[in-house]
Protein backbone atom coordinates (compact mmCIF):
# COMPACT_ATOMS: atom_id res chain seq x y z
CA MET A 1 0.07 -0.06 0.16
CA LEU A 2 1.94 3.13 -0.80
CA ASN A 3 1.62 5.62 1.94
CA ARG A 4 1.86 9.57 1.78
CA TYR A 5 3.36 11.70 4.38
CA THR A 6 3.13 15.70 4.95
CA LYS A 7 5.99 17.15 6.67
CA LYS A 8 5.38 17.79 10.89
CA GLN A 9 2.89 14.35 9.76
CA GLN A 10 3.31 11.00 12.58
CA ILE A 11 4.78 8.49 10.71
CA PHE A 12 3.62 6.46 13.46
CA SER A 13 3.51 7.42 17.43
CA GLN A 14 5.45 6.64 21.03
CA GLY A 15 3.14 3.75 22.27
CA ASP A 16 0.98 2.64 19.35
CA SER A 17 1.04 -1.10 18.70
CA GLY A 18 1.14 -2.37 15.01
CA ASP A 19 2.47 -4.64 12.67
CA GLN A 20 3.55 -1.95 9.21
CA VAL A 21 6.66 -1.67 7.69
CA ARG A 22 6.83 0.97 5.69
CA PHE A 23 9.68 1.67 3.11
CA LEU A 24 10.71 4.95 2.13
CA VAL A 25 10.47 6.04 -1.05
CA SER A 26 11.00 9.42 -1.03
CA GLY A 27 11.35 11.85 1.96
CA ILE A 28 12.95 12.67 4.82
CA ALA A 29 12.13 11.45 8.49
CA ARG A 30 12.94 10.67 12.05
CA TYR A 31 12.95 8.62 15.09
CA TYR A 32 12.70 10.35 18.20
CA TYR A 33 11.78 9.69 21.64
CA LEU A 34 9.62 11.87 23.53
CA SER A 35 9.95 12.36 27.56
CA PRO A 36 7.03 12.64 30.21
CA GLU A 37 7.71 16.58 29.73
CA GLY A 38 7.30 16.66 26.66
CA LYS A 39 11.07 16.93 25.07
CA GLU A 40 12.09 15.76 21.92
CA ARG A 41 15.23 13.74 21.91
CA ASN A 42 16.05 12.63 17.83
CA LYS A 43 16.62 8.68 17.82
CA SER A 44 18.09 8.95 14.46
CA PHE A 45 16.89 10.20 10.43
CA ALA A 46 15.28 8.14 7.91
CA LYS A 47 16.74 7.66 4.29
CA PRO A 48 15.06 6.49 1.45
CA VAL A 49 14.72 3.41 1.19
CA CYS A 50 15.12 3.33 4.56
CA ALA A 51 12.68 0.49 6.35
CA ILE A 52 10.56 3.24 9.21
CA THR A 53 9.49 0.91 11.13
CA SER A 54 9.29 -0.52 15.32
CA LEU A 55 11.30 -3.67 15.38
CA PRO A 56 10.18 -4.44 19.47
CA THR A 57 6.36 -3.38 18.21
CA LEU A 58 7.00 -6.23 14.51
CA ILE A 59 9.12 -9.24 17.01
CA ASP A 60 6.84 -9.06 20.57
CA ALA A 61 3.89 -6.75 19.59
CA SER A 62 5.05 -4.39 22.24
CA ALA A 63 4.03 -0.84 21.78
CA ALA A 64 6.34 1.62 20.37
CA THR A 65 8.48 3.54 22.48
CA PHE A 66 9.61 5.66 20.08
CA SER A 67 7.48 7.74 17.77
CA ALA A 68 7.99 8.73 13.95
CA GLN A 69 7.96 11.80 11.69
CA ALA A 70 7.92 13.80 8.55
CA LEU A 71 10.44 16.30 7.83
CA ILE A 72 9.97 16.78 4.87
CA ASP A 73 6.32 15.39 2.95
CA CYS A 74 7.45 11.55 1.81
CA VAL A 75 5.65 8.39 0.32
CA CYS A 76 6.44 5.63 1.52
CA LEU A 77 5.49 1.66 0.08
CA SER A 78 3.47 0.03 4.08
CA ILE A 79 3.36 -3.58 4.53
CA SER A 80 1.99 -5.97 6.53
CA TYR A 81 5.11 -7.99 8.97
CA GLN A 82 2.68 -11.15 8.47
CA GLN A 83 2.72 -10.89 5.34
CA ILE A 84 6.51 -10.59 5.37
CA LYS A 85 7.34 -13.27 6.85
CA ARG A 86 4.81 -14.85 4.08
CA LEU A 87 7.50 -13.86 1.50
CA ASN A 88 10.21 -14.99 3.01
CA ASP A 89 8.78 -18.29 3.91
CA SER A 90 7.51 -18.70 -0.25
CA TYR A 91 10.66 -16.77 -1.50
CA SER A 92 13.89 -17.00 -0.69
CA CYS A 93 15.40 -14.02 -2.39
CA TRP A 94 13.20 -12.01 0.06
CA ALA A 95 14.31 -13.71 2.43
CA ARG A 96 17.86 -12.47 1.24
CA LEU A 97 16.64 -8.49 1.15
CA CYS A 98 14.94 -8.96 4.87
CA LEU A 99 17.93 -10.52 5.49
CA ARG A 100 20.14 -7.06 3.89
CA ILE A 101 17.99 -4.63 5.67
CA PHE A 102 17.64 -6.11 8.97
CA GLU A 103 21.35 -6.41 9.06
CA ARG A 104 22.07 -2.84 7.63
CA LEU A 105 19.91 -1.75 10.87
CA ALA A 106 21.73 -3.19 12.95
CA LEU A 107 24.83 -2.26 11.63
CA GLU A 108 24.01 1.15 12.26
CA LYS A 109 22.24 1.30 15.09
CA ASP A 110 26.40 0.01 16.52
CA GLN A 111 28.13 2.98 15.03
CA ARG A 112 25.20 5.35 16.10
CA ILE A 113 25.72 3.98 19.90
CA ALA A 114 29.74 3.97 19.22
CA GLU A 115 29.46 7.27 18.10
CA LEU A 116 27.46 8.73 21.13
CA LEU A 117 29.50 7.01 23.58
CA MET A 118 33.43 7.15 22.22
CA CYS A 119 32.87 10.11 19.67
CA SER A 120 33.65 13.90 20.68
CA ALA A 121 30.30 16.41 19.95
CA THR A 122 32.41 17.68 16.75
CA GLN A 123 33.54 14.44 16.05
CA ARG A 124 29.49 13.28 15.65
CA TYR A 125 29.08 16.65 13.91
CA LEU A 126 31.92 15.59 10.97
CA VAL A 127 30.10 11.70 10.97
CA PHE A 128 26.13 13.28 10.50
CA LEU A 129 28.10 16.15 7.80
CA GLN A 130 29.38 13.13 5.75
CA GLU A 131 26.08 10.73 6.50
CA TYR A 132 23.31 13.61 5.96
CA ALA A 133 24.92 16.65 4.07
CA GLU A 134 21.49 17.06 2.71
CA LEU A 135 19.71 17.21 5.98
CA ALA A 136 21.86 19.92 7.12
CA LYS A 137 20.89 22.57 4.22
CA ILE A 138 17.35 21.84 5.20
CA ILE A 139 16.63 20.90 8.85
CA PRO A 140 16.23 22.75 11.86
CA ASN A 141 19.33 22.90 13.50
CA TYR A 142 17.06 21.52 17.18
CA HIS A 143 17.09 18.54 15.39
CA ILE A 144 20.30 18.54 14.44
CA ALA A 145 21.54 19.50 17.54
CA SER A 146 19.52 16.64 19.58
CA TYR A 147 20.51 14.01 17.03
CA LEU A 148 23.96 14.93 18.03
CA GLY A 149 22.88 14.94 21.97
CA ILE A 150 24.06 18.82 22.19
CA THR A 151 22.40 21.73 22.44
CA GLU A 152 21.74 24.52 19.43
CA VAL A 153 23.81 26.88 21.40
CA ALA A 154 26.85 24.00 21.68
CA LEU A 155 25.72 23.39 17.65
CA SER A 156 26.69 26.91 16.38
CA ARG A 157 30.00 26.93 18.55
CA ILE A 158 31.09 23.45 16.51
CA ARG A 159 30.10 24.95 13.05
CA ASN A 160 32.02 28.42 14.08
CA LYS A 161 35.59 26.82 15.19
CA LEU A 162 35.24 24.35 12.24
CA GLN A 163 35.00 28.10 9.98
CA SER A 164 37.39 29.22 11.19
CA LEU A 165 40.06 26.41 10.69
């Protein structure tokens, strides 16, 4: 099924359950956590052809612990996890594709954790620019700062420092 999401529209919300996997065809989305106080913290960004879903929600039917939102207009192809499992059982090429997608998710998550634990804020920003250069031009600074785990003021200082080099 084809789904369209407008800028700032929720793709799914923290607390939701469901078995839909959405493949981002076009646009940019973000995953974020929402604290009980209403503070948003960006977990990651999604570019085409990422899968947009909450894996624990798919695997054990738990509620999503984070949300996904379109940062710009997005188009997604949607399929249920049950359909994916049936396709995996019937077509080995589909099973290999799904395995590659989940391997990529695991690698990205491991890299993100390592960056947060082992890199300085400046290093994290440089990695962000390598990975998401186009995002830096189109999303608000508070989204970038939140993703990096710093304040907008700290982001501004890092940018000024890098420009003076």
